Amino acid sequence: MLAALAARGRTVRWWIGALMGDHDYARYVAHLERLHPGAEIPTEREYWRTRYAAADANPGARCC
């Protein structure tokens, strides 16, 4: 019973992390390594700065 509860807790933590974008940088780095070998990989800070700047420049269909 305790193991099942712990597993559900890990699942919820993973889901919230995925919803908040916690895994996006790692996925982006994997994408660069797979499709653009030898390309310079930005730091995580540079990645988020660029991503937020792009979202501000092209807001699309956001609610706010």
Protein backbone atom coordinates (compact mmCIF):
# COMPACT_ATOMS: atom_id res chain seq x y z
CA MET A 1 0.00 0.00 0.00
CA LEU A 2 2.79 2.43 0.91
CA ALA A 3 4.70 1.56 -2.27
CA ALA A 4 1.64 2.28 -4.40
CA LEU A 5 1.16 5.62 -2.67
CA ALA A 6 4.82 6.51 -3.24
CA ALA A 7 4.51 5.55 -6.92
CA ARG A 8 1.46 7.79 -7.30
CA GLY A 9 3.34 10.62 -5.61
CA ARG A 10 6.23 10.26 -8.08
CA THR A 11 3.77 10.22 -10.96
CA VAL A 12 2.07 13.39 -9.76
CA ARG A 13 5.45 15.08 -9.25
CA TRP A 14 6.52 14.08 -12.77
CA TRP A 15 3.22 15.32 -14.25
CA ILE A 16 3.46 18.69 -12.52
CA GLY A 17 7.08 19.02 -13.64
CA ALA A 18 6.09 18.23 -17.22
CA LEU A 19 3.26 20.75 -17.03
CA MET A 20 5.62 23.45 -15.76
CA GLY A 21 8.29 22.69 -18.40
CA ASP A 22 10.90 21.15 -16.12
CA HIS A 23 11.92 18.61 -18.78
CA ASP A 24 11.96 20.97 -21.77
CA TYR A 25 15.66 21.86 -21.63
CA ALA A 26 16.73 18.21 -21.45
CA ARG A 27 14.48 17.40 -24.42
CA TYR A 28 15.93 20.35 -26.36
CA VAL A 29 19.50 19.22 -25.68
CA ALA A 30 18.63 15.68 -26.79
CA HIS A 31 17.06 17.13 -29.96
CA LEU A 32 20.18 19.17 -30.73
CA GLU A 33 22.48 16.20 -30.15
CA ARG A 34 20.34 13.93 -32.33
CA LEU A 35 19.53 16.22 -35.26
CA HIS A 36 22.28 18.83 -35.12
CA PRO A 37 25.46 17.08 -33.96
CA GLY A 38 28.29 19.48 -33.34
CA ALA A 39 25.95 22.43 -32.79
CA GLU A 40 26.71 24.61 -29.79
CA ILE A 41 24.41 23.74 -26.91
CA PRO A 42 23.20 26.78 -24.98
CA THR A 43 23.28 26.81 -21.22
CA GLU A 44 19.98 26.22 -19.47
CA ARG A 45 19.83 29.89 -18.57
CA GLU A 46 20.34 30.93 -22.22
CA TYR A 47 17.70 28.42 -23.32
CA TRP A 48 15.05 29.83 -20.98
CA ARG A 49 15.94 33.43 -21.80
CA THR A 50 15.54 32.73 -25.53
CA ARG A 51 12.33 30.79 -24.99
CA TYR A 52 10.71 33.53 -22.92
CA ALA A 53 11.81 36.20 -25.38
CA ALA A 54 10.25 34.22 -28.25
CA ALA A 55 7.01 33.78 -26.29
CA ASP A 56 6.84 37.50 -25.58
CA ALA A 57 7.57 38.40 -29.21
CA ASN A 58 4.94 35.95 -30.58
CA PRO A 59 2.22 35.57 -27.94
CA GLY A 60 -0.10 33.45 -30.08
CA ALA A 61 -3.28 32.29 -28.38
CA ARG A 62 -2.33 32.71 -24.74
CA CYS A 63 -4.92 33.65 -22.20
CA CYS A 64 -2.92 36.51 -20.66
